[in-house]
Protein backbone atom coordinates (compact mmCIF):
# COMPACT_ATOMS: atom_id res chain seq x y z
CA UNK A 1 0.00 0.00 0.00
CA UNK A 2 2.84 2.49 0.59
CA UNK A 3 3.70 2.14 -3.14
CA UNK A 4 0.30 3.51 -4.21
CA UNK A 5 -0.04 7.28 -4.43
CA UNK A 6 -2.57 9.87 -5.50
CA UNK A 7 -2.02 12.43 -8.25
CA UNK A 8 -4.95 14.82 -8.61
CA UNK A 9 -4.47 14.99 -12.39
CA UNK A 10 -3.91 11.29 -13.02
CA UNK A 11 -5.66 9.39 -10.23
CA UNK A 12 -3.92 6.52 -8.47
CA UNK A 13 -0.26 6.19 -9.45
CA UNK A 14 2.70 3.91 -8.73
CA UNK A 15 6.13 5.01 -7.44
CA UNK A 16 7.13 6.15 -10.96
CA UNK A 17 3.93 8.26 -11.30
CA UNK A 18 2.47 5.77 -13.82
CA UNK A 19 -1.32 5.81 -13.73
CA UNK A 20 -2.86 2.66 -12.23
CA UNK A 21 -5.86 1.53 -14.28
CA UNK A 22 -6.21 -2.08 -13.06
CA UNK A 23 -5.58 -3.34 -9.58
CA UNK A 24 -5.76 -6.76 -7.95
CA UNK A 25 -6.66 -6.09 -4.36
CA UNK A 26 -5.89 -8.53 -1.54
CA UNK A 27 -5.94 -5.66 0.96
CA UNK A 28 -9.29 -5.53 2.80
CA UNK A 29 -11.64 -2.76 1.67
CA UNK A 30 -12.27 -1.60 5.23
CA UNK A 31 -8.52 -1.06 5.65
CA UNK A 32 -8.33 0.73 2.31
CA UNK A 33 -11.09 3.10 3.37
CA UNK A 34 -8.91 4.09 6.35
CA UNK A 35 -5.94 5.05 4.12
CA UNK A 36 -5.07 8.69 3.39
CA UNK A 37 -6.34 8.44 -0.19
CA UNK A 38 -9.70 6.94 0.81
CA UNK A 39 -11.61 10.10 -0.08
CA UNK A 40 -10.56 9.61 -3.69
CA UNK A 41 -11.68 5.97 -3.95
CA UNK A 42 -15.32 6.64 -4.75
CA UNK A 43 -14.36 9.65 -6.87
CA UNK A 44 -12.55 7.47 -9.42
CA UNK A 45 -13.83 4.01 -8.55
CA UNK A 46 -15.54 3.50 -11.92
CA UNK A 47 -12.45 4.63 -13.84
CA UNK A 48 -10.41 1.67 -12.61
CA UNK A 49 -10.64 -2.08 -13.14
CA UNK A 50 -10.88 -3.56 -9.63
CA UNK A 51 -10.29 -7.31 -9.61
CA UNK A 52 -12.09 -7.47 -6.24
CA UNK A 53 -14.89 -4.86 -6.38
CA UNK A 54 -16.03 -2.71 -3.45
CA UNK A 55 -19.41 -4.47 -3.21
CA UNK A 56 -17.54 -7.48 -1.76
CA UNK A 57 -17.17 -5.38 1.39
CA UNK A 58 -20.82 -6.15 2.16
CA UNK A 59 -20.16 -9.90 1.94
CA UNK A 60 -17.06 -9.78 4.15
CA UNK A 61 -18.92 -7.97 6.95
CA UNK A 62 -20.54 -10.53 9.25
CA UNK A 63 -23.16 -7.94 10.19
CA UNK A 64 -25.15 -9.21 7.21
CA UNK A 65 -25.72 -12.57 8.97
CA UNK A 66 -28.18 -11.36 11.65
CA UNK A 67 -29.99 -9.33 8.98
CA UNK A 68 -30.38 -12.38 6.77
CA UNK A 69 -31.71 -14.39 9.73
CA UNK A 70 -34.14 -11.62 10.66
CA UNK A 71 -35.48 -11.50 7.10
CA UNK A 72 -35.60 -15.31 6.73
CA UNK A 73 -35.97 -16.89 10.20
CA UNK A 74 -35.77 -20.67 10.14
CA UNK A 75 -34.39 -20.85 6.59
CA UNK A 76 -32.54 -24.19 6.19
CA UNK A 77 -29.48 -22.53 4.62
CA UNK A 78 -28.99 -20.01 7.43
CA UNK A 79 -27.78 -20.25 11.00
CA UNK A 80 -29.63 -18.33 13.70
CA UNK A 81 -27.70 -15.10 14.31
CA UNK A 82 -27.96 -11.95 16.42
CA UNK A 83 -26.15 -8.63 16.57
CA UNK A 84 -24.37 -7.63 19.80
CA UNK A 85 -25.76 -10.44 22.03
CA UNK A 86 -26.39 -14.21 21.95
CA UNK A 87 -30.17 -13.75 21.96
CA UNK A 88 -31.81 -17.13 22.65
CA UNK A 89 -28.62 -19.10 21.88
CA UNK A 90 -27.00 -21.19 24.63
CA UNK A 91 -24.32 -22.50 22.26
CA UNK A 92 -22.88 -19.93 19.89
CA UNK A 93 -19.92 -18.57 18.00
CA UNK A 94 -19.07 -14.95 18.67
CA UNK A 95 -17.46 -13.38 15.59
CA UNK A 96 -16.11 -9.86 15.06
CA UNK A 97 -17.87 -8.02 12.25
CA UNK A 98 -14.67 -7.69 10.22
CA UNK A 99 -12.34 -10.52 11.27
CA UNK A 100 -10.35 -12.85 9.10
CA UNK A 101 -8.83 -16.33 9.32
CA UNK A 102 -10.25 -17.34 12.69
CA UNK A 103 -9.07 -14.29 14.64
CA UNK A 104 -10.94 -13.18 17.77
CA UNK A 105 -13.50 -16.02 17.65
CA UNK A 106 -15.22 -17.44 20.74
CA UNK A 107 -16.84 -20.85 20.39
CA UNK A 108 -19.09 -21.56 23.37
CA UNK A 109 -20.77 -24.93 23.76
CA UNK A 110 -22.07 -26.81 26.80
CA UNK A 111 -18.85 -28.83 26.87
CA UNK A 112 -16.22 -26.13 26.33
CA UNK A 113 -15.19 -22.63 25.40
CA UNK A 114 -12.47 -22.03 22.78
CA UNK A 115 -11.19 -18.52 22.02
CA UNK A 116 -8.66 -17.18 19.59
CA UNK A 117 -6.76 -13.92 19.80
CA UNK A 118 -6.14 -11.23 17.22
CA UNK A 119 -6.58 -7.56 16.32
CA UNK A 120 -10.35 -7.54 15.63
CA UNK A 121 -13.43 -6.81 17.69
CA UNK A 122 -13.50 -3.06 18.25
CA UNK A 123 -16.03 -2.82 15.40
CA UNK A 124 -18.48 -5.08 17.27
CA UNK A 125 -19.59 -8.71 17.20
CA UNK A 126 -22.32 -11.00 15.98
CA UNK A 127 -23.47 -14.18 17.70
CA UNK A 128 -24.33 -17.18 15.54
CA UNK A 129 -25.60 -20.68 16.28
CA UNK A 130 -22.95 -23.40 16.28
CA UNK A 131 -22.65 -25.60 13.19
CA UNK A 132 -20.39 -28.37 14.44
CA UNK A 133 -17.68 -29.63 12.12
CA UNK A 134 -16.97 -33.35 11.87
CA UNK A 135 -13.71 -34.54 13.40
CA UNK A 136 -11.93 -36.90 11.02
CA UNK A 137 -8.83 -38.53 12.53
CA UNK A 138 -8.50 -35.55 14.87
CA UNK A 139 -8.83 -32.93 12.12
CA UNK A 140 -11.74 -30.59 11.39
CA UNK A 141 -12.09 -30.06 7.60
CA UNK A 142 -13.75 -27.01 6.05
CA UNK A 143 -14.47 -26.77 2.33
CA UNK A 144 -14.36 -23.40 0.59
CA UNK A 145 -15.59 -22.96 -2.96
CA UNK A 146 -15.09 -20.43 -5.73
CA UNK A 147 -17.76 -19.48 -8.22
CA UNK A 148 -16.80 -17.41 -11.25
CA UNK A 149 -19.56 -15.98 -13.44
CA UNK A 150 -22.05 -18.48 -11.99
CA UNK A 151 -19.83 -21.52 -12.67
CA UNK A 152 -17.97 -23.72 -10.18
CA UNK A 153 -14.26 -22.88 -10.50
CA UNK A 154 -12.54 -24.68 -7.64
CA UNK A 155 -12.54 -25.75 -4.04
CA UNK A 156 -10.07 -25.70 -1.22
CA UNK A 157 -9.99 -27.85 1.90
CA UNK A 158 -8.58 -26.50 5.16
CA UNK A 159 -7.94 -28.85 8.04
CA UNK A 160 -7.55 -27.64 11.61
CA UNK A 161 -6.66 -29.40 14.85
CA UNK A 162 -9.45 -27.38 16.55
CA UNK A 163 -12.99 -26.43 15.48
CA UNK A 164 -11.78 -22.87 14.76
CA UNK A 165 -9.85 -22.69 11.48
CA UNK A 166 -7.09 -20.08 11.15
CA UNK A 167 -4.39 -19.09 8.65
CA UNK A 168 -1.83 -21.60 9.98
CA UNK A 169 -3.82 -24.67 9.02
CA UNK A 170 -3.29 -27.18 6.22
CA UNK A 171 -4.74 -26.03 2.88
CA UNK A 172 -5.24 -28.24 -0.16
CA UNK A 173 -6.55 -26.58 -3.37
CA UNK A 174 -8.47 -28.46 -6.05
CA UNK A 175 -9.48 -27.48 -9.57
CA UNK A 176 -12.87 -28.26 -11.02
CA UNK A 177 -12.42 -29.01 -14.71
C-alpha atoms as a PDB file:
ATOM      1  CA  UNK A   1       0.000   0.000   0.000  1.00  0.00           C
ATOM      2  CA  UNK A   2       2.841   2.488   0.587  1.00  0.00           C
ATOM      3  CA  UNK A   3       3.695   2.145  -3.138  1.00  0.00           C
ATOM      4  CA  UNK A   4       0.304   3.510  -4.214  1.00  0.00           C
ATOM      5  CA  UNK A   5      -0.043   7.276  -4.430  1.00  0.00           C
ATOM      6  CA  UNK A   6      -2.565   9.872  -5.497  1.00  0.00           C
ATOM      7  CA  UNK A   7      -2.016  12.428  -8.250  1.00  0.00           C
ATOM      8  CA  UNK A   8      -4.954  14.824  -8.605  1.00  0.00           C
ATOM      9  CA  UNK A   9      -4.474  14.989 -12.388  1.00  0.00           C
ATOM     10  CA  UNK A  10      -3.915  11.289 -13.024  1.00  0.00           C
ATOM     11  CA  UNK A  11      -5.659   9.391 -10.227  1.00  0.00           C
ATOM     12  CA  UNK A  12      -3.916   6.517  -8.465  1.00  0.00           C
ATOM     13  CA  UNK A  13      -0.259   6.187  -9.448  1.00  0.00           C
ATOM     14  CA  UNK A  14       2.699   3.911  -8.727  1.00  0.00           C
ATOM     15  CA  UNK A  15       6.125   5.010  -7.436  1.00  0.00           C
ATOM     16  CA  UNK A  16       7.127   6.153 -10.956  1.00  0.00           C
ATOM     17  CA  UNK A  17       3.931   8.256 -11.303  1.00  0.00           C
ATOM     18  CA  UNK A  18       2.472   5.769 -13.815  1.00  0.00           C
ATOM     19  CA  UNK A  19      -1.323   5.813 -13.729  1.00  0.00           C
ATOM     20  CA  UNK A  20      -2.859   2.661 -12.230  1.00  0.00           C
ATOM     21  CA  UNK A  21      -5.859   1.525 -14.282  1.00  0.00           C
ATOM     22  CA  UNK A  22      -6.212  -2.080 -13.059  1.00  0.00           C
ATOM     23  CA  UNK A  23      -5.581  -3.336  -9.584  1.00  0.00           C
ATOM     24  CA  UNK A  24      -5.758  -6.758  -7.946  1.00  0.00           C
ATOM     25  CA  UNK A  25      -6.658  -6.095  -4.355  1.00  0.00           C
ATOM     26  CA  UNK A  26      -5.890  -8.526  -1.538  1.00  0.00           C
ATOM     27  CA  UNK A  27      -5.935  -5.662   0.963  1.00  0.00           C
ATOM     28  CA  UNK A  28      -9.293  -5.532   2.798  1.00  0.00           C
ATOM     29  CA  UNK A  29     -11.642  -2.760   1.673  1.00  0.00           C
ATOM     30  CA  UNK A  30     -12.272  -1.599   5.231  1.00  0.00           C
ATOM     31  CA  UNK A  31      -8.520  -1.063   5.651  1.00  0.00           C
ATOM     32  CA  UNK A  32      -8.326   0.734   2.312  1.00  0.00           C
ATOM     33  CA  UNK A  33     -11.093   3.104   3.372  1.00  0.00           C
ATOM     34  CA  UNK A  34      -8.907   4.088   6.347  1.00  0.00           C
ATOM     35  CA  UNK A  35      -5.938   5.048   4.116  1.00  0.00           C
ATOM     36  CA  UNK A  36      -5.070   8.689   3.388  1.00  0.00           C
ATOM     37  CA  UNK A  37      -6.341   8.441  -0.192  1.00  0.00           C
ATOM     38  CA  UNK A  38      -9.698   6.940   0.815  1.00  0.00           C
ATOM     39  CA  UNK A  39     -11.612  10.103  -0.076  1.00  0.00           C
ATOM     40  CA  UNK A  40     -10.565   9.614  -3.693  1.00  0.00           C
ATOM     41  CA  UNK A  41     -11.681   5.966  -3.950  1.00  0.00           C
ATOM     42  CA  UNK A  42     -15.320   6.639  -4.754  1.00  0.00           C
ATOM     43  CA  UNK A  43     -14.363   9.649  -6.866  1.00  0.00           C
ATOM     44  CA  UNK A  44     -12.551   7.469  -9.417  1.00  0.00           C
ATOM     45  CA  UNK A  45     -13.834   4.011  -8.555  1.00  0.00           C
ATOM     46  CA  UNK A  46     -15.541   3.497 -11.918  1.00  0.00           C
ATOM     47  CA  UNK A  47     -12.455   4.632 -13.840  1.00  0.00           C
ATOM     48  CA  UNK A  48     -10.409   1.666 -12.612  1.00  0.00           C
ATOM     49  CA  UNK A  49     -10.636  -2.076 -13.138  1.00  0.00           C
ATOM     50  CA  UNK A  50     -10.883  -3.558  -9.627  1.00  0.00           C
ATOM     51  CA  UNK A  51     -10.291  -7.310  -9.614  1.00  0.00           C
ATOM     52  CA  UNK A  52     -12.093  -7.470  -6.239  1.00  0.00           C
ATOM     53  CA  UNK A  53     -14.890  -4.858  -6.380  1.00  0.00           C
ATOM     54  CA  UNK A  54     -16.032  -2.705  -3.453  1.00  0.00           C
ATOM     55  CA  UNK A  55     -19.413  -4.475  -3.208  1.00  0.00           C
ATOM     56  CA  UNK A  56     -17.539  -7.475  -1.759  1.00  0.00           C
ATOM     57  CA  UNK A  57     -17.173  -5.381   1.388  1.00  0.00           C
ATOM     58  CA  UNK A  58     -20.817  -6.151   2.158  1.00  0.00           C
ATOM     59  CA  UNK A  59     -20.160  -9.897   1.937  1.00  0.00           C
ATOM     60  CA  UNK A  60     -17.065  -9.776   4.146  1.00  0.00           C
ATOM     61  CA  UNK A  61     -18.919  -7.973   6.953  1.00  0.00           C
ATOM     62  CA  UNK A  62     -20.537 -10.526   9.246  1.00  0.00           C
ATOM     63  CA  UNK A  63     -23.165  -7.939  10.188  1.00  0.00           C
ATOM     64  CA  UNK A  64     -25.147  -9.213   7.210  1.00  0.00           C
ATOM     65  CA  UNK A  65     -25.717 -12.573   8.966  1.00  0.00           C
ATOM     66  CA  UNK A  66     -28.183 -11.359  11.655  1.00  0.00           C
ATOM     67  CA  UNK A  67     -29.993  -9.328   8.979  1.00  0.00           C
ATOM     68  CA  UNK A  68     -30.382 -12.382   6.768  1.00  0.00           C
ATOM     69  CA  UNK A  69     -31.708 -14.391   9.729  1.00  0.00           C
ATOM     70  CA  UNK A  70     -34.142 -11.620  10.657  1.00  0.00           C
ATOM     71  CA  UNK A  71     -35.484 -11.505   7.101  1.00  0.00           C
ATOM     72  CA  UNK A  72     -35.603 -15.311   6.730  1.00  0.00           C
ATOM     73  CA  UNK A  73     -35.971 -16.894  10.197  1.00  0.00           C
ATOM     74  CA  UNK A  74     -35.770 -20.671  10.143  1.00  0.00           C
ATOM     75  CA  UNK A  75     -34.388 -20.850   6.588  1.00  0.00           C
ATOM     76  CA  UNK A  76     -32.544 -24.186   6.191  1.00  0.00           C
ATOM     77  CA  UNK A  77     -29.477 -22.533   4.616  1.00  0.00           C
ATOM     78  CA  UNK A  78     -28.987 -20.012   7.435  1.00  0.00           C
ATOM     79  CA  UNK A  79     -27.782 -20.251  11.004  1.00  0.00           C
ATOM     80  CA  UNK A  80     -29.629 -18.327  13.702  1.00  0.00           C
ATOM     81  CA  UNK A  81     -27.696 -15.100  14.308  1.00  0.00           C
ATOM     82  CA  UNK A  82     -27.960 -11.950  16.417  1.00  0.00           C
ATOM     83  CA  UNK A  83     -26.152  -8.626  16.572  1.00  0.00           C
ATOM     84  CA  UNK A  84     -24.366  -7.632  19.804  1.00  0.00           C
ATOM     85  CA  UNK A  85     -25.765 -10.439  22.034  1.00  0.00           C
ATOM     86  CA  UNK A  86     -26.389 -14.209  21.954  1.00  0.00           C
ATOM     87  CA  UNK A  87     -30.173 -13.755  21.959  1.00  0.00           C
ATOM     88  CA  UNK A  88     -31.808 -17.129  22.652  1.00  0.00           C
ATOM     89  CA  UNK A  89     -28.624 -19.100  21.885  1.00  0.00           C
ATOM     90  CA  UNK A  90     -26.996 -21.191  24.625  1.00  0.00           C
ATOM     91  CA  UNK A  91     -24.317 -22.498  22.265  1.00  0.00           C
ATOM     92  CA  UNK A  92     -22.880 -19.933  19.885  1.00  0.00           C
ATOM     93  CA  UNK A  93     -19.919 -18.574  17.995  1.00  0.00           C
ATOM     94  CA  UNK A  94     -19.074 -14.950  18.671  1.00  0.00           C
ATOM     95  CA  UNK A  95     -17.465 -13.382  15.589  1.00  0.00           C
ATOM     96  CA  UNK A  96     -16.113  -9.858  15.059  1.00  0.00           C
ATOM     97  CA  UNK A  97     -17.867  -8.017  12.251  1.00  0.00           C
ATOM     98  CA  UNK A  98     -14.665  -7.691  10.225  1.00  0.00           C
ATOM     99  CA  UNK A  99     -12.343 -10.516  11.270  1.00  0.00           C
ATOM    100  CA  UNK A 100     -10.347 -12.853   9.101  1.00  0.00           C
ATOM    101  CA  UNK A 101      -8.832 -16.328   9.317  1.00  0.00           C
ATOM    102  CA  UNK A 102     -10.251 -17.342  12.685  1.00  0.00           C
ATOM    103  CA  UNK A 103      -9.066 -14.289  14.644  1.00  0.00           C
ATOM    104  CA  UNK A 104     -10.942 -13.182  17.768  1.00  0.00           C
ATOM    105  CA  UNK A 105     -13.496 -16.020  17.654  1.00  0.00           C
ATOM    106  CA  UNK A 106     -15.216 -17.436  20.738  1.00  0.00           C
ATOM    107  CA  UNK A 107     -16.844 -20.854  20.390  1.00  0.00           C
ATOM    108  CA  UNK A 108     -19.091 -21.560  23.368  1.00  0.00           C
ATOM    109  CA  UNK A 109     -20.773 -24.928  23.761  1.00  0.00           C
ATOM    110  CA  UNK A 110     -22.069 -26.805  26.798  1.00  0.00           C
ATOM    111  CA  UNK A 111     -18.851 -28.831  26.866  1.00  0.00           C
ATOM    112  CA  UNK A 112     -16.222 -26.131  26.326  1.00  0.00           C
ATOM    113  CA  UNK A 113     -15.189 -22.629  25.402  1.00  0.00           C
ATOM    114  CA  UNK A 114     -12.474 -22.026  22.780  1.00  0.00           C
ATOM    115  CA  UNK A 115     -11.195 -18.518  22.024  1.00  0.00           C
ATOM    116  CA  UNK A 116      -8.660 -17.181  19.586  1.00  0.00           C
ATOM    117  CA  UNK A 117      -6.762 -13.918  19.795  1.00  0.00           C
ATOM    118  CA  UNK A 118      -6.139 -11.233  17.216  1.00  0.00           C
ATOM    119  CA  UNK A 119      -6.580  -7.564  16.324  1.00  0.00           C
ATOM    120  CA  UNK A 120     -10.345  -7.539  15.629  1.00  0.00           C
ATOM    121  CA  UNK A 121     -13.433  -6.811  17.688  1.00  0.00           C
ATOM    122  CA  UNK A 122     -13.496  -3.058  18.246  1.00  0.00           C
ATOM    123  CA  UNK A 123     -16.029  -2.820  15.401  1.00  0.00           C
ATOM    124  CA  UNK A 124     -18.476  -5.082  17.271  1.00  0.00           C
ATOM    125  CA  UNK A 125     -19.586  -8.713  17.196  1.00  0.00           C
ATOM    126  CA  UNK A 126     -22.321 -10.999  15.981  1.00  0.00           C
ATOM    127  CA  UNK A 127     -23.470 -14.183  17.696  1.00  0.00           C
ATOM    128  CA  UNK A 128     -24.330 -17.177  15.540  1.00  0.00           C
ATOM    129  CA  UNK A 129     -25.598 -20.681  16.276  1.00  0.00           C
ATOM    130  CA  UNK A 130     -22.949 -23.400  16.275  1.00  0.00           C
ATOM    131  CA  UNK A 131     -22.651 -25.600  13.189  1.00  0.00           C
ATOM    132  CA  UNK A 132     -20.387 -28.372  14.437  1.00  0.00           C
ATOM    133  CA  UNK A 133     -17.681 -29.631  12.121  1.00  0.00           C
ATOM    134  CA  UNK A 134     -16.970 -33.355  11.874  1.00  0.00           C
ATOM    135  CA  UNK A 135     -13.710 -34.536  13.402  1.00  0.00           C
ATOM    136  CA  UNK A 136     -11.928 -36.896  11.023  1.00  0.00           C
ATOM    137  CA  UNK A 137      -8.832 -38.531  12.525  1.00  0.00           C
ATOM    138  CA  UNK A 138      -8.500 -35.546  14.873  1.00  0.00           C
ATOM    139  CA  UNK A 139      -8.831 -32.934  12.117  1.00  0.00           C
ATOM    140  CA  UNK A 140     -11.743 -30.592  11.391  1.00  0.00           C
ATOM    141  CA  UNK A 141     -12.092 -30.059   7.600  1.00  0.00           C
ATOM    142  CA  UNK A 142     -13.749 -27.008   6.053  1.00  0.00           C
ATOM    143  CA  UNK A 143     -14.474 -26.767   2.326  1.00  0.00           C
ATOM    144  CA  UNK A 144     -14.361 -23.396   0.590  1.00  0.00           C
ATOM    145  CA  UNK A 145     -15.591 -22.962  -2.962  1.00  0.00           C
ATOM    146  CA  UNK A 146     -15.092 -20.429  -5.727  1.00  0.00           C
ATOM    147  CA  UNK A 147     -17.761 -19.484  -8.217  1.00  0.00           C
ATOM    148  CA  UNK A 148     -16.799 -17.408 -11.254  1.00  0.00           C
ATOM    149  CA  UNK A 149     -19.557 -15.982 -13.435  1.00  0.00           C
ATOM    150  CA  UNK A 150     -22.047 -18.480 -11.993  1.00  0.00           C
ATOM    151  CA  UNK A 151     -19.834 -21.515 -12.665  1.00  0.00           C
ATOM    152  CA  UNK A 152     -17.968 -23.715 -10.179  1.00  0.00           C
ATOM    153  CA  UNK A 153     -14.261 -22.876 -10.503  1.00  0.00           C
ATOM    154  CA  UNK A 154     -12.535 -24.677  -7.645  1.00  0.00           C
ATOM    155  CA  UNK A 155     -12.544 -25.749  -4.042  1.00  0.00           C
ATOM    156  CA  UNK A 156     -10.069 -25.697  -1.216  1.00  0.00           C
ATOM    157  CA  UNK A 157      -9.988 -27.852   1.897  1.00  0.00           C
ATOM    158  CA  UNK A 158      -8.585 -26.500   5.162  1.00  0.00           C
ATOM    159  CA  UNK A 159      -7.942 -28.847   8.040  1.00  0.00           C
ATOM    160  CA  UNK A 160      -7.548 -27.638  11.607  1.00  0.00           C
ATOM    161  CA  UNK A 161      -6.663 -29.396  14.850  1.00  0.00           C
ATOM    162  CA  UNK A 162      -9.454 -27.376  16.550  1.00  0.00           C
ATOM    163  CA  UNK A 163     -12.991 -26.432  15.477  1.00  0.00           C
ATOM    164  CA  UNK A 164     -11.781 -22.870  14.755  1.00  0.00           C
ATOM    165  CA  UNK A 165      -9.854 -22.687  11.481  1.00  0.00           C
ATOM    166  CA  UNK A 166      -7.088 -20.082  11.153  1.00  0.00           C
ATOM    167  CA  UNK A 167      -4.387 -19.091   8.651  1.00  0.00           C
ATOM    168  CA  UNK A 168      -1.830 -21.601   9.979  1.00  0.00           C
ATOM    169  CA  UNK A 169      -3.819 -24.673   9.021  1.00  0.00           C
ATOM    170  CA  UNK A 170      -3.293 -27.181   6.220  1.00  0.00           C
ATOM    171  CA  UNK A 171      -4.741 -26.029   2.885  1.00  0.00           C
ATOM    172  CA  UNK A 172      -5.237 -28.243  -0.161  1.00  0.00           C
ATOM    173  CA  UNK A 173      -6.553 -26.584  -3.365  1.00  0.00           C
ATOM    174  CA  UNK A 174      -8.470 -28.465  -6.048  1.00  0.00           C
ATOM    175  CA  UNK A 175      -9.477 -27.476  -9.571  1.00  0.00           C
ATOM    176  CA  UNK A 176     -12.868 -28.255 -11.020  1.00  0.00           C
ATOM    177  CA  UNK A 177     -12.416 -29.007 -14.711  1.00  0.00           C
END
